[in-house]
Amino acid sequence: MAEDAWTMPKGELMRGKKGLVMGVANSNSIAWGIASQLAAQGAEMAFTYLGESLERRVRPLAESIGVKTLIPADVTDDASMDAAFAEIEKTFGTIDFVVHSVAFADKNELKGSFVENTTREGFLLAMNISAFSFVDVARRAAKLMPNGGSMITMTYLGSERVIPNYNTMGVAKAALEAATRYIARDLGPKGIRVNAISAGAMRTLSLAGISGGRSMISSGRALSAMKEDTSMEGVAGCALWLASDLGFSTTGEVIHVDAGFHMMGMSADEAEG
């Protein structure tokens, strides 16, 4: 496999299951870590991409784990999404899982004051791409899940607590988490489970777009319960659990995979000080 950061244990948990992974950008992206783990467990997948430059980065990764179907998809364009899901249906017929790792906010709004730097245009764009896209994907994917399935999206603690410079993205992620619960309610009777993974700060393209993003990693490590970085293996393992039959009866959850950072009130040094 190309540029693996860790070795995926081989297995059969996803043997015979087919699905869609959205958001693979490079070998450091969370969607890639999840896809690699699902492939190691026997899953068959399609990837979506936006634009030729991204396709050039994603195609070698896809081929390295046996993914043959790459589909262009712009989550802000209905015609593009219509075409993408028509291709998925043509390729697989039915699917068993979806991994949605799609988010965007204008870089100029991911710094300083949320009140002063947030524009109407930027706010609506972030909400459209980062939150509504999951609603739209869920509606389309559910039609291809006659036997039930699993939908997973990615979020971050900035949805629950104020994180410096996360700003508009934090509000969009809060909407995404609320949407996850409502989607879970609607699709539950069809046997479709819908959950979100709240991963700790990791070295991804998304983090690079946030002012002071790198310090979020060191702070997360120092303040976490386990005093360690969030691992890709942990995030991918959680996704594997949720996507596989091991995840039966779990839906509407926001599951934190951040070495315990989310539960801490203050560090020991702060308490002693």
Protein backbone atom coordinates (compact mmCIF):
# COMPACT_ATOMS: atom_id res chain seq x y z
CA MET A 1 0.00 0.00 0.00
CA ALA A 2 1.05 3.57 -0.62
CA GLU A 3 2.55 5.54 2.27
CA ASP A 4 0.85 3.66 5.09
CA ALA A 5 1.38 5.26 8.51
CA TRP A 6 0.52 2.01 10.24
CA THR A 7 -0.14 -1.60 9.35
CA MET A 8 -3.78 -2.62 9.07
CA PRO A 9 -4.60 -6.02 10.55
CA LYS A 10 -6.12 -8.25 7.89
CA GLY A 11 -9.49 -9.80 8.43
CA GLU A 12 -12.93 -10.63 7.08
CA LEU A 13 -15.24 -8.23 8.96
CA MET A 14 -16.22 -6.35 5.79
CA ARG A 15 -16.08 -9.25 3.34
CA GLY A 16 -18.96 -8.96 0.87
CA LYS A 17 -19.82 -5.39 1.88
CA LYS A 18 -19.78 -2.51 -0.60
CA GLY A 19 -19.75 1.18 0.08
CA LEU A 20 -18.80 4.75 -0.69
CA VAL A 21 -16.00 6.81 0.85
CA MET A 22 -16.10 10.57 0.36
CA GLY A 23 -13.24 12.88 1.27
CA VAL A 24 -10.00 11.06 0.50
CA ALA A 25 -7.54 13.86 -0.26
CA ASN A 26 -4.09 12.36 0.35
CA SER A 27 -2.34 9.72 2.44
CA ASN A 28 -2.78 11.82 5.60
CA SER A 29 -6.54 12.28 5.32
CA ILE A 30 -8.82 10.59 7.81
CA ALA A 31 -10.97 9.22 4.99
CA TRP A 32 -7.91 7.44 3.60
CA GLY A 33 -7.06 5.88 6.96
CA ILE A 34 -10.63 4.61 7.27
CA ALA A 35 -10.73 3.34 3.68
CA SER A 36 -7.46 1.47 4.18
CA GLN A 37 -8.83 -0.29 7.24
CA LEU A 38 -12.10 -1.19 5.52
CA ALA A 39 -10.19 -2.56 2.54
CA ALA A 40 -7.97 -4.63 4.83
CA GLN A 41 -11.15 -6.21 6.18
CA GLY A 42 -12.44 -7.10 2.71
CA ALA A 43 -14.69 -4.16 1.80
CA GLU A 44 -15.27 -3.12 -1.80
CA MET A 45 -15.46 0.65 -2.24
CA ALA A 46 -15.93 3.59 -4.53
CA PHE A 47 -14.22 6.94 -3.89
CA THR A 48 -15.51 10.37 -4.89
CA TYR A 49 -13.26 13.29 -5.77
CA LEU A 50 -13.61 16.95 -6.75
CA GLY A 51 -11.54 18.15 -9.70
CA GLU A 52 -8.73 16.72 -11.80
CA SER A 53 -5.92 17.72 -9.46
CA LEU A 54 -7.51 15.81 -6.59
CA GLU A 55 -8.14 12.84 -8.83
CA ARG A 56 -4.42 12.68 -9.64
CA ARG A 57 -3.62 12.46 -5.93
CA VAL A 58 -6.38 10.02 -5.05
CA ARG A 59 -6.16 7.54 -7.93
CA PRO A 60 -2.80 5.97 -6.93
CA LEU A 61 -4.06 5.56 -3.35
CA ALA A 62 -7.28 3.98 -4.56
CA GLU A 63 -5.46 1.56 -6.83
CA SER A 64 -3.10 0.55 -4.02
CA ILE A 65 -6.01 -0.95 -2.04
CA GLY A 66 -7.94 -2.30 -5.02
CA VAL A 67 -10.51 0.51 -5.38
CA LYS A 68 -11.45 0.61 -9.05
CA THR A 69 -14.30 3.11 -9.02
CA LEU A 70 -13.52 6.82 -8.73
CA ILE A 71 -16.43 9.17 -9.28
CA PRO A 72 -16.43 12.97 -9.63
CA ALA A 73 -18.83 14.59 -7.18
CA ASP A 74 -19.49 18.20 -6.19
CA VAL A 75 -21.64 18.18 -3.06
CA THR A 76 -22.89 21.70 -3.83
CA ASP A 77 -24.31 20.71 -7.22
CA ASP A 78 -27.43 18.56 -7.52
CA ALA A 79 -26.70 17.47 -11.08
CA SER A 80 -23.23 16.31 -10.06
CA MET A 81 -24.65 14.36 -7.13
CA ASP A 82 -27.36 12.84 -9.31
CA ALA A 83 -24.70 11.60 -11.71
CA ALA A 84 -22.44 10.34 -8.91
CA PHE A 85 -25.11 8.22 -7.25
CA ALA A 86 -26.36 6.95 -10.59
CA GLU A 87 -22.82 5.69 -11.20
CA ILE A 88 -22.66 4.12 -7.75
CA GLU A 89 -25.94 2.32 -8.36
CA LYS A 90 -24.75 1.18 -11.78
CA THR A 91 -21.50 -0.14 -10.32
CA PHE A 92 -22.71 -1.78 -7.10
CA GLY A 93 -26.49 -2.01 -7.30
CA THR A 94 -26.82 -1.74 -3.54
CA ILE A 95 -24.38 -0.54 -0.87
CA ASP A 96 -23.83 -1.29 2.80
CA PHE A 97 -21.98 1.76 4.11
CA VAL A 98 -21.07 5.38 3.48
CA VAL A 99 -18.17 7.32 4.98
CA HIS A 100 -18.71 11.09 4.70
CA SER A 101 -15.56 13.08 5.44
CA VAL A 102 -16.39 16.32 3.65
CA ALA A 103 -16.04 19.80 5.14
CA PHE A 104 -15.02 23.29 4.10
CA ALA A 105 -14.92 26.84 5.45
CA ASP A 106 -13.21 29.91 4.03
CA LYS A 107 -9.70 30.14 5.47
CA ASN A 108 -10.19 33.83 6.25
CA GLU A 109 -12.99 32.92 8.64
CA LEU A 110 -10.92 30.35 10.54
CA LYS A 111 -8.96 32.87 12.56
CA GLY A 112 -9.50 35.60 15.10
CA SER A 113 -12.98 36.77 16.02
CA PHE A 114 -15.95 34.62 15.01
CA VAL A 115 -18.28 37.61 15.26
CA GLU A 116 -16.12 39.97 13.23
CA ASN A 117 -14.78 37.58 10.59
CA THR A 118 -17.86 35.53 9.73
CA THR A 119 -19.65 36.61 6.56
CA ARG A 120 -23.08 35.58 5.35
CA GLU A 121 -21.59 34.02 2.22
CA GLY A 122 -18.90 32.16 4.14
CA PHE A 123 -21.32 30.92 6.80
CA LEU A 124 -23.78 29.54 4.25
CA LEU A 125 -20.98 27.90 2.25
CA ALA A 126 -19.60 26.15 5.33
CA MET A 127 -23.05 24.94 6.32
CA ASN A 128 -23.80 23.74 2.79
CA ILE A 129 -20.61 21.72 2.34
CA SER A 130 -19.98 20.61 5.91
CA ALA A 131 -23.51 19.87 7.17
CA PHE A 132 -26.16 19.81 4.46
CA SER A 133 -24.02 17.59 2.24
CA PHE A 134 -24.42 14.76 4.76
CA VAL A 135 -28.21 15.16 4.70
CA ASP A 136 -28.15 15.03 0.90
CA VAL A 137 -25.81 12.04 0.81
CA ALA A 138 -27.92 10.19 3.39
CA ARG A 139 -31.09 10.70 1.38
CA ARG A 140 -29.46 9.40 -1.78
CA ALA A 141 -27.53 6.54 -0.15
CA ALA A 142 -30.56 5.27 1.79
CA LYS A 143 -32.23 4.39 -1.52
CA LEU A 144 -29.32 2.02 -2.20
CA MET A 145 -29.54 0.33 1.21
CA PRO A 146 -32.60 -1.94 1.01
CA ASN A 147 -31.02 -4.32 3.52
CA GLY A 148 -29.96 -1.65 5.99
CA GLY A 149 -26.48 -0.31 6.43
CA SER A 150 -24.22 2.20 8.15
CA MET A 151 -23.53 5.89 7.56
CA ILE A 152 -20.58 7.61 9.22
CA THR A 153 -19.59 11.26 9.21
CA MET A 154 -16.62 13.08 10.75
CA THR A 155 -16.82 15.88 13.31
CA TYR A 156 -14.63 17.61 15.90
CA LEU A 157 -14.90 18.89 19.48
CA GLY A 158 -15.21 22.47 18.21
CA SER A 159 -18.89 21.64 17.74
CA GLU A 160 -19.34 21.36 21.52
CA ARG A 161 -16.77 23.76 22.93
CA VAL A 162 -15.17 26.98 21.79
CA ILE A 163 -11.87 26.18 20.11
CA PRO A 164 -9.73 29.19 19.09
CA ASN A 165 -9.93 29.89 15.34
CA TYR A 166 -12.33 27.01 14.61
CA ASN A 167 -15.15 29.54 14.40
CA THR A 168 -17.58 28.94 11.50
CA MET A 169 -16.50 25.34 11.17
CA GLY A 170 -17.45 24.70 14.79
CA VAL A 171 -20.98 25.96 14.15
CA ALA A 172 -21.22 23.87 10.96
CA LYS A 173 -20.02 20.76 12.83
CA ALA A 174 -22.64 21.37 15.52
CA ALA A 175 -25.27 21.39 12.77
CA LEU A 176 -23.75 18.22 11.33
CA GLU A 177 -24.04 16.43 14.67
CA ALA A 178 -27.67 17.50 15.08
CA ALA A 179 -28.34 16.35 11.52
CA THR A 180 -26.77 12.98 12.37
CA ARG A 181 -29.36 12.43 15.11
CA TYR A 182 -32.30 13.43 12.93
CA ILE A 183 -31.09 11.27 10.05
CA ALA A 184 -30.64 8.36 12.50
CA ARG A 185 -34.24 8.82 13.66
CA ASP A 186 -35.61 8.84 10.10
CA LEU A 187 -33.56 5.95 8.73
CA GLY A 188 -33.57 3.72 11.81
CA PRO A 189 -36.75 1.86 10.79
CA LYS A 190 -34.97 0.90 7.57
CA GLY A 191 -32.14 -0.72 9.49
CA ILE A 192 -29.71 2.09 8.66
CA ARG A 193 -27.41 3.22 11.46
CA VAL A 194 -26.08 6.80 11.39
CA ASN A 195 -23.20 7.98 13.57
CA ALA A 196 -20.48 10.61 13.80
CA ILE A 197 -16.86 10.17 14.88
CA SER A 198 -15.36 13.13 16.72
CA ALA A 199 -11.65 12.69 16.09
CA GLY A 200 -8.93 14.61 17.88
CA ALA A 201 -6.71 17.05 16.00
CA MET A 202 -4.58 15.26 13.40
CA ARG A 203 -2.15 16.34 10.69
CA THR A 204 -4.56 16.72 7.77
CA LEU A 205 -5.18 19.27 5.02
CA SER A 206 -8.18 20.51 6.96
CA LEU A 207 -6.09 21.26 10.03
CA ALA A 208 -3.53 23.09 7.90
CA GLY A 209 -6.25 25.53 6.88
CA ILE A 210 -6.91 26.63 10.48
CA SER A 211 -4.82 29.44 11.96
CA GLY A 212 -2.69 27.87 14.69
CA GLY A 213 -3.83 24.41 13.66
CA ARG A 214 -0.54 22.71 14.51
CA SER A 215 -0.71 23.91 18.10
CA MET A 216 -4.07 22.11 18.40
CA ILE A 217 -2.18 18.83 18.09
CA SER A 218 0.36 19.57 20.81
CA SER A 219 -2.34 21.00 23.08
CA GLY A 220 -4.53 17.98 22.48
CA ARG A 221 -1.68 15.67 23.46
CA ALA A 222 -0.78 17.62 26.60
CA LEU A 223 -4.36 17.95 27.83
CA SER A 224 -5.62 14.49 26.87
CA ALA A 225 -6.26 11.80 29.45
CA MET A 226 -3.81 9.45 27.72
CA LYS A 227 -1.12 12.09 27.07
CA GLU A 228 -0.82 10.99 23.47
CA ASP A 229 -1.81 12.08 19.97
CA THR A 230 -5.01 10.86 18.40
CA SER A 231 -4.02 7.88 16.26
CA MET A 232 -5.25 7.17 12.77
CA GLU A 233 -5.50 3.53 13.79
CA GLY A 234 -7.92 4.44 16.55
CA VAL A 235 -10.14 6.53 14.29
CA ALA A 236 -10.12 3.91 11.54
CA GLY A 237 -10.84 1.17 14.08
CA CYS A 238 -13.87 3.06 15.33
CA ALA A 239 -15.12 3.47 11.76
CA LEU A 240 -14.61 -0.25 11.16
CA TRP A 241 -16.70 -1.08 14.21
CA LEU A 242 -19.50 1.24 13.11
CA ALA A 243 -19.45 0.12 9.45
CA SER A 244 -19.32 -3.60 10.22
CA ASP A 245 -21.90 -5.86 11.81
CA LEU A 246 -20.17 -5.25 15.14
CA GLY A 247 -21.91 -1.88 15.17
CA PHE A 248 -25.45 -3.28 15.30
CA SER A 249 -27.80 -1.30 17.61
CA THR A 250 -25.51 1.77 17.72
CA THR A 251 -27.00 4.83 16.05
CA GLY A 252 -27.36 8.56 16.57
CA GLU A 253 -24.06 8.72 18.46
CA VAL A 254 -21.14 11.14 18.40
CA ILE A 255 -18.21 8.95 19.39
CA HIS A 256 -15.04 10.70 20.57
CA VAL A 257 -11.72 9.24 19.47
CA ASP A 258 -9.26 11.76 20.88
CA ALA A 259 -7.26 10.03 23.63
CA GLY A 260 -9.74 11.40 26.16
CA PHE A 261 -9.19 15.08 25.37
CA HIS A 262 -12.93 15.81 25.23
CA MET A 263 -13.63 14.80 28.83
CA MET A 264 -10.89 16.81 30.56
CA GLY A 265 -11.79 19.93 32.52
CA MET A 266 -8.26 21.10 33.28
CA SER A 267 -4.75 19.69 33.37
CA ALA A 268 -3.09 18.47 36.57
CA ASP A 269 -0.66 21.39 36.36
CA GLU A 270 -3.54 23.87 36.23
CA ALA A 271 -5.24 22.17 39.17
CA GLU A 272 -2.08 22.28 41.28
CA GLY A 273 -1.38 25.87 40.32
